[in-house]
Amino acid sequence: MNNVQEISHQNISVKKAILLLAGWVSAILALFIYPFVFGMLGVVSGILATKNNKSRIGVYLVVSSIVLMGVGLVFSTKILPLVYHR
């Protein structure tokens, strides 16, 4: 029975890691393209990551997603030409 609990715990850890990785990628993409869409994806990912086991990294993800979304919304006309300039 203990092995089943360990496997279940590892499965939750893998799902949480994938969710956090997707959230951080979305937060960074919010700075460059579609800030509102990717920022909200980062916020939702952070909330889902903190829902069950009170992880602080999910809170950091939510805050950084909101900040990067705001910066992306305000400076999107300035950032995109710098990124696509060759």
C-alpha atoms as a PDB file:
ATOM      1  CA  MET A   1       0.000   0.000   0.000  1.00  0.00           C
ATOM      2  CA  ASN A   2       2.889   2.331   0.750  1.00  0.00           C
ATOM      3  CA  ASN A   3       4.242   1.871  -2.787  1.00  0.00           C
ATOM      4  CA  VAL A   4       0.934   3.033  -4.243  1.00  0.00           C
ATOM      5  CA  GLN A   5       1.070   6.214  -2.160  1.00  0.00           C
ATOM      6  CA  GLU A   6       4.660   6.887  -3.269  1.00  0.00           C
ATOM      7  CA  ILE A   7       3.751   6.433  -6.943  1.00  0.00           C
ATOM      8  CA  SER A   8       0.720   8.669  -6.509  1.00  0.00           C
ATOM      9  CA  HIS A   9       2.853  11.344  -4.815  1.00  0.00           C
ATOM     10  CA  GLN A  10       5.469  11.183  -7.591  1.00  0.00           C
ATOM     11  CA  ASN A  11       2.723  11.470 -10.234  1.00  0.00           C
ATOM     12  CA  ILE A  12       1.391  14.605  -8.530  1.00  0.00           C
ATOM     13  CA  SER A  13       4.924  16.036  -8.355  1.00  0.00           C
ATOM     14  CA  VAL A  14       5.456  15.482 -12.091  1.00  0.00           C
ATOM     15  CA  LYS A  15       2.102  17.086 -12.934  1.00  0.00           C
ATOM     16  CA  LYS A  16       2.891  20.041 -10.681  1.00  0.00           C
ATOM     17  CA  ALA A  17       6.333  20.469 -12.249  1.00  0.00           C
ATOM     18  CA  ILE A  18       4.865  20.457 -15.762  1.00  0.00           C
ATOM     19  CA  LEU A  19       2.189  22.916 -14.693  1.00  0.00           C
ATOM     20  CA  LEU A  20       4.766  25.246 -13.153  1.00  0.00           C
ATOM     21  CA  LEU A  21       7.031  25.027 -16.192  1.00  0.00           C
ATOM     22  CA  ALA A  22       4.134  25.869 -18.505  1.00  0.00           C
ATOM     23  CA  GLY A  23       3.181  28.744 -16.219  1.00  0.00           C
ATOM     24  CA  TRP A  24       6.680  30.254 -16.193  1.00  0.00           C
ATOM     25  CA  VAL A  25       6.948  29.952 -19.979  1.00  0.00           C
ATOM     26  CA  SER A  26       3.558  31.651 -20.302  1.00  0.00           C
ATOM     27  CA  ALA A  27       4.624  34.429 -17.935  1.00  0.00           C
ATOM     28  CA  ILE A  28       7.741  35.136 -19.989  1.00  0.00           C
ATOM     29  CA  LEU A  29       5.801  35.004 -23.267  1.00  0.00           C
ATOM     30  CA  ALA A  30       3.368  37.543 -21.808  1.00  0.00           C
ATOM     31  CA  LEU A  31       6.172  40.074 -21.955  1.00  0.00           C
ATOM     32  CA  PHE A  32       6.511  39.732 -25.725  1.00  0.00           C
ATOM     33  CA  ILE A  33       3.309  38.468 -27.384  1.00  0.00           C
ATOM     34  CA  TYR A  34      -0.367  38.491 -26.387  1.00  0.00           C
ATOM     35  CA  PRO A  35       0.272  39.752 -22.847  1.00  0.00           C
ATOM     36  CA  PHE A  36      -3.262  39.298 -21.573  1.00  0.00           C
ATOM     37  CA  VAL A  37      -3.640  35.721 -22.838  1.00  0.00           C
ATOM     38  CA  PHE A  38      -0.266  34.403 -21.707  1.00  0.00           C
ATOM     39  CA  GLY A  39      -0.368  36.381 -18.479  1.00  0.00           C
ATOM     40  CA  MET A  40      -3.690  34.851 -17.535  1.00  0.00           C
ATOM     41  CA  LEU A  41      -2.387  31.374 -18.399  1.00  0.00           C
ATOM     42  CA  GLY A  42       0.507  31.991 -16.010  1.00  0.00           C
ATOM     43  CA  VAL A  43      -1.848  33.168 -13.271  1.00  0.00           C
ATOM     44  CA  VAL A  44      -4.130  30.157 -13.671  1.00  0.00           C
ATOM     45  CA  SER A  45      -1.144  27.786 -13.678  1.00  0.00           C
ATOM     46  CA  GLY A  46       0.171  29.359 -10.480  1.00  0.00           C
ATOM     47  CA  ILE A  47      -3.200  29.095  -8.782  1.00  0.00           C
ATOM     48  CA  LEU A  48      -3.574  25.446  -9.762  1.00  0.00           C
ATOM     49  CA  ALA A  49      -0.049  24.709  -8.530  1.00  0.00           C
ATOM     50  CA  THR A  50      -0.730  26.230  -5.094  1.00  0.00           C
ATOM     51  CA  LYS A  51      -4.210  24.802  -4.707  1.00  0.00           C
ATOM     52  CA  ASN A  52      -3.427  21.546  -2.923  1.00  0.00           C
ATOM     53  CA  ASN A  53      -0.131  21.864  -1.133  1.00  0.00           C
ATOM     54  CA  LYS A  54       0.486  25.516  -0.295  1.00  0.00           C
ATOM     55  CA  SER A  55       3.615  25.896  -2.420  1.00  0.00           C
ATOM     56  CA  ARG A  56       5.196  29.342  -2.397  1.00  0.00           C
ATOM     57  CA  ILE A  57       6.559  28.995  -5.924  1.00  0.00           C
ATOM     58  CA  GLY A  58       3.007  29.086  -7.258  1.00  0.00           C
ATOM     59  CA  VAL A  59       2.465  32.410  -5.493  1.00  0.00           C
ATOM     60  CA  TYR A  60       5.669  33.736  -7.068  1.00  0.00           C
ATOM     61  CA  LEU A  61       4.375  32.551 -10.443  1.00  0.00           C
ATOM     62  CA  VAL A  62       1.075  34.397  -9.974  1.00  0.00           C
ATOM     63  CA  VAL A  63       2.789  37.636  -8.956  1.00  0.00           C
ATOM     64  CA  SER A  64       5.384  37.500 -11.727  1.00  0.00           C
ATOM     65  CA  SER A  65       2.720  36.671 -14.325  1.00  0.00           C
ATOM     66  CA  ILE A  66       0.730  39.725 -13.302  1.00  0.00           C
ATOM     67  CA  VAL A  67       3.805  41.964 -13.354  1.00  0.00           C
ATOM     68  CA  LEU A  68       5.058  40.659 -16.720  1.00  0.00           C
ATOM     69  CA  MET A  69       1.557  40.909 -18.161  1.00  0.00           C
ATOM     70  CA  GLY A  70       1.358  44.545 -17.064  1.00  0.00           C
ATOM     71  CA  VAL A  71       4.776  45.352 -18.473  1.00  0.00           C
ATOM     72  CA  GLY A  72       3.862  43.582 -21.702  1.00  0.00           C
ATOM     73  CA  LEU A  73       0.620  45.535 -21.992  1.00  0.00           C
ATOM     74  CA  VAL A  74       2.262  48.887 -21.325  1.00  0.00           C
ATOM     75  CA  PHE A  75       5.432  48.449 -23.350  1.00  0.00           C
ATOM     76  CA  SER A  76       4.315  46.077 -26.111  1.00  0.00           C
ATOM     77  CA  THR A  77       4.784  48.743 -28.787  1.00  0.00           C
ATOM     78  CA  LYS A  78       8.364  49.325 -27.595  1.00  0.00           C
ATOM     79  CA  ILE A  79       9.431  45.726 -26.925  1.00  0.00           C
ATOM     80  CA  LEU A  80       8.304  44.045 -30.148  1.00  0.00           C
ATOM     81  CA  PRO A  81      10.391  46.177 -32.530  1.00  0.00           C
ATOM     82  CA  LEU A  82      13.466  45.439 -30.410  1.00  0.00           C
ATOM     83  CA  VAL A  83      12.802  41.715 -30.537  1.00  0.00           C
ATOM     84  CA  TYR A  84      12.081  41.526 -34.262  1.00  0.00           C
ATOM     85  CA  HIS A  85      14.753  44.024 -35.321  1.00  0.00           C
ATOM     86  CA  ARG A  86      17.482  42.287 -37.292  1.00  0.00           C
END
